Amino acid sequence: MKKEFQIISELIENNTRVLDVGCGDGILMKYLKDQKNVDTRGLEISKNKVQICVSKGLTVIEGNAEEDLKQFPKSSFNYAILSQTLQAFYNPEKVIDNLLNVADKAIITIPNFGFWKVRLDLLVKGTMPITKNLPDEWYNTPNLHMCTIKDFFNFCSKKKIKLYKSLALHGERTFEINNYNLNWKNLSSELGIFLIEK
């Protein structure tokens, strides 16, 4: 299991209810269900990936997070997970509002467009960067909103969203983010992982 998912699972308490939005093939859901006795549900836009999840015995429905999060009752989950898909939505702010409506807390991970390799590629090559976390060309990327760790940090502050835990991931190493090291972690980290609540 990839490091990002290990960190997410450590943020989730045992015996809780979790909604994994954009759950893919269900790797994280299966782990949470088997290892932490978590009651998991998934929302996934790809019919093929929904079928893969169902074949693993997972409860997943096909749907688009921008439209279909509204169908879940308020506070019906302890946690909602959104892994590396926030930047692909037309209206990320609305998605975050809906996540914090259906769950008490949300775990959001974002590829960091402020990472030094991304900045250097743009500066030196003059082209949109391609990295491990941003593998697509400019013309076929699903990413609509380029967001950095610092952008997300500032967004939460502006919107009065509580950053319960802020983590930066670089390779296999994880670091806590705070106001004092924000600029450095924004430059040196590939991924931001945030546990937020209203």
Protein backbone atom coordinates (compact mmCIF):
# COMPACT_ATOMS: atom_id res chain seq x y z
CA MET A 1 0.00 0.00 0.00
CA LYS A 2 1.37 3.42 -0.91
CA LYS A 3 2.68 5.75 1.79
CA GLU A 4 -0.16 8.27 1.27
CA PHE A 5 -2.74 5.60 2.15
CA GLN A 6 -0.75 4.48 5.21
CA ILE A 7 -0.80 8.05 6.53
CA ILE A 8 -4.53 8.42 5.82
CA SER A 9 -5.26 5.17 7.67
CA GLU A 10 -3.26 6.39 10.69
CA LEU A 11 -5.48 9.50 10.84
CA ILE A 12 -8.65 7.39 11.03
CA GLU A 13 -9.79 5.90 14.32
CA ASN A 14 -10.89 2.26 14.58
CA ASN A 15 -14.60 1.36 14.48
CA THR A 16 -15.70 4.49 12.62
CA ARG A 17 -17.75 5.20 9.49
CA VAL A 18 -15.81 6.40 6.44
CA LEU A 19 -16.81 7.63 2.98
CA ASP A 20 -14.03 7.32 0.39
CA VAL A 21 -14.81 9.77 -2.43
CA GLY A 22 -13.14 8.76 -5.68
CA CYS A 23 -12.20 5.44 -4.09
CA GLY A 24 -10.66 4.00 -7.27
CA ASP A 25 -10.21 0.24 -7.06
CA GLY A 26 -10.90 0.20 -3.30
CA ILE A 27 -7.40 -0.56 -1.97
CA LEU A 28 -7.69 1.95 0.90
CA MET A 29 -11.30 0.98 1.70
CA LYS A 30 -10.38 -2.71 1.91
CA TYR A 31 -7.44 -1.98 4.19
CA LEU A 32 -9.55 0.19 6.53
CA LYS A 33 -12.29 -2.43 6.63
CA ASP A 34 -9.93 -5.34 7.32
CA GLN A 35 -7.34 -3.68 9.58
CA LYS A 36 -9.29 -1.02 11.48
CA ASN A 37 -12.83 -2.45 11.51
CA VAL A 38 -14.06 0.64 9.68
CA ASP A 39 -17.53 0.70 8.12
CA THR A 40 -16.56 1.94 4.65
CA ARG A 41 -18.61 3.29 1.75
CA GLY A 42 -17.27 4.49 -1.58
CA LEU A 43 -18.29 6.94 -4.29
CA GLU A 44 -16.58 6.43 -7.65
CA ILE A 45 -17.20 7.93 -11.09
CA SER A 46 -15.72 5.02 -13.08
CA LYS A 47 -18.15 2.14 -13.69
CA ASN A 48 -15.23 -0.26 -14.19
CA LYS A 49 -13.64 0.67 -10.84
CA VAL A 50 -17.01 0.37 -9.09
CA GLN A 51 -17.26 -3.21 -10.39
CA ILE A 52 -13.72 -3.97 -9.14
CA CYS A 53 -14.68 -2.67 -5.67
CA VAL A 54 -17.92 -4.66 -5.59
CA SER A 55 -16.00 -7.82 -6.57
CA LYS A 56 -13.87 -7.23 -3.42
CA GLY A 57 -17.02 -7.14 -1.30
CA LEU A 58 -16.97 -3.35 -0.86
CA THR A 59 -20.01 -1.07 -0.83
CA VAL A 60 -19.46 1.46 -3.59
CA ILE A 61 -21.89 3.46 -5.69
CA GLU A 62 -21.24 5.06 -9.04
CA GLY A 63 -21.45 8.81 -8.92
CA ASN A 64 -19.84 12.21 -9.35
CA ALA A 65 -18.75 13.89 -6.10
CA GLU A 66 -19.72 17.37 -7.35
CA GLU A 67 -23.33 16.28 -7.76
CA ASP A 68 -23.87 13.16 -5.66
CA LEU A 69 -22.43 14.00 -2.23
CA LYS A 70 -25.73 15.78 -1.52
CA GLN A 71 -27.57 12.45 -1.40
CA PHE A 72 -25.87 11.49 1.88
CA PRO A 73 -27.49 12.72 5.11
CA LYS A 74 -25.70 15.34 7.20
CA SER A 75 -22.98 13.92 9.48
CA SER A 76 -23.62 10.35 8.32
CA PHE A 77 -19.86 9.60 8.44
CA ASN A 78 -17.05 10.24 10.89
CA TYR A 79 -14.58 10.84 8.04
CA ALA A 80 -14.74 11.57 4.32
CA ILE A 81 -11.60 10.94 2.24
CA LEU A 82 -10.70 12.78 -0.95
CA SER A 83 -7.36 11.56 -2.30
CA GLN A 84 -5.62 13.63 -5.01
CA THR A 85 -8.81 14.59 -6.85
CA LEU A 86 -9.71 18.03 -5.43
CA GLN A 87 -7.83 19.78 -8.24
CA ALA A 88 -9.92 17.95 -10.87
CA PHE A 89 -13.28 19.41 -9.79
CA TYR A 90 -14.94 22.41 -11.41
CA ASN A 91 -15.88 23.76 -7.98
CA PRO A 92 -13.48 22.50 -5.27
CA GLU A 93 -14.95 24.84 -2.64
CA LYS A 94 -18.41 23.30 -3.07
CA VAL A 95 -16.95 19.78 -2.83
CA ILE A 96 -15.16 20.65 0.44
CA ASP A 97 -18.40 22.15 1.85
CA ASN A 98 -20.28 18.97 0.93
CA LEU A 99 -17.59 16.73 2.41
CA LEU A 100 -17.78 18.61 5.72
CA ASN A 101 -21.56 18.35 5.60
CA VAL A 102 -21.73 14.56 5.22
CA ALA A 103 -18.79 13.87 7.57
CA ASP A 104 -17.52 15.29 10.87
CA LYS A 105 -13.97 15.46 9.46
CA ALA A 106 -12.45 15.23 6.00
CA ILE A 107 -9.04 14.01 4.90
CA ILE A 108 -7.92 15.72 1.72
CA THR A 109 -4.69 15.03 -0.14
CA ILE A 110 -3.39 17.24 -2.93
CA PRO A 111 -0.45 17.02 -5.31
CA ASN A 112 1.67 20.06 -4.50
CA PHE A 113 2.08 22.35 -7.51
CA GLY A 114 4.49 24.40 -5.37
CA PHE A 115 7.04 21.54 -5.20
CA TRP A 116 10.51 22.71 -6.31
CA LYS A 117 10.73 20.25 -9.24
CA VAL A 118 7.44 21.60 -10.61
CA ARG A 119 8.69 25.19 -10.27
CA LEU A 120 12.05 24.34 -11.82
CA ASP A 121 10.50 22.57 -14.83
CA LEU A 122 8.34 25.58 -15.52
CA LEU A 123 11.24 28.00 -15.06
CA VAL A 124 13.92 26.11 -17.01
CA LYS A 125 11.97 24.20 -19.66
CA GLY A 126 9.09 26.63 -19.96
CA THR A 127 6.62 23.75 -20.14
CA MET A 128 4.05 22.32 -17.76
CA PRO A 129 5.90 19.91 -15.47
CA ILE A 130 5.54 16.14 -15.38
CA THR A 131 6.31 14.41 -12.07
CA LYS A 132 5.39 11.20 -10.25
CA ASN A 133 2.30 12.87 -8.76
CA LEU A 134 1.53 14.91 -11.91
CA PRO A 135 2.15 12.38 -14.69
CA ASP A 136 -0.04 13.87 -17.46
CA GLU A 137 0.71 16.33 -20.24
CA TRP A 138 -0.98 19.74 -20.13
CA TYR A 139 -3.54 18.70 -22.78
CA ASN A 140 -4.71 15.44 -21.19
CA THR A 141 -4.47 16.23 -17.49
CA PRO A 142 -7.64 15.99 -15.39
CA ASN A 143 -6.32 18.85 -13.22
CA LEU A 144 -8.34 22.04 -13.57
CA HIS A 145 -7.14 23.93 -10.49
CA MET A 146 -3.43 24.09 -9.71
CA CYS A 147 -3.11 24.20 -5.94
CA THR A 148 -0.11 24.30 -3.61
CA ILE A 149 0.18 23.28 0.03
CA LYS A 150 0.34 26.98 0.89
CA ASP A 151 -2.79 27.71 -1.19
CA PHE A 152 -4.75 25.06 0.70
CA PHE A 153 -3.41 26.25 4.06
CA ASN A 154 -4.50 29.83 3.22
CA PHE A 155 -7.87 28.65 1.87
CA CYS A 156 -8.69 26.92 5.18
CA SER A 157 -7.69 30.02 7.14
CA LYS A 158 -9.82 32.29 4.93
CA LYS A 159 -12.85 29.97 5.07
CA LYS A 160 -12.53 29.36 8.84
CA ILE A 161 -11.99 25.64 8.31
CA LYS A 162 -10.05 24.04 11.16
CA LEU A 163 -6.82 22.36 10.07
CA TYR A 164 -6.81 19.54 12.59
CA LYS A 165 -3.62 18.07 11.13
CA SER A 166 -1.43 19.21 8.21
CA LEU A 167 1.20 16.89 6.81
CA ALA A 168 3.71 17.12 3.97
CA LEU A 169 4.93 14.03 2.16
CA HIS A 170 8.21 13.78 0.27
CA GLY A 171 9.11 10.28 -0.91
CA GLU A 172 8.62 8.07 2.14
CA ARG A 173 9.13 10.89 4.65
CA THR A 174 6.32 12.73 6.41
CA PHE A 175 6.53 16.13 8.08
CA GLU A 176 4.12 18.18 10.15
CA ILE A 177 3.27 21.56 8.57
CA ASN A 178 2.86 24.70 10.67
CA ASN A 179 2.97 28.47 10.16
CA TYR A 180 6.73 28.53 10.75
CA ASN A 181 7.76 25.92 8.16
CA LEU A 182 4.92 26.43 5.65
CA ASN A 183 7.04 28.11 2.96
CA TRP A 184 9.75 25.45 3.19
CA LYS A 185 7.32 22.50 3.15
CA ASN A 186 5.49 24.10 0.23
CA LEU A 187 8.79 24.10 -1.67
CA SER A 188 10.14 20.71 -0.58
CA SER A 189 7.08 18.41 -0.55
CA GLU A 190 5.33 16.48 -3.30
CA LEU A 191 2.03 15.95 -1.52
CA GLY A 192 -0.07 17.67 1.14
CA ILE A 193 -2.32 15.67 3.48
CA PHE A 194 -4.88 17.59 5.53
CA LEU A 195 -7.33 16.51 8.22
CA ILE A 196 -9.95 19.24 8.40
CA GLU A 197 -13.21 19.98 10.21
CA LYS A 198 -15.68 22.83 10.41
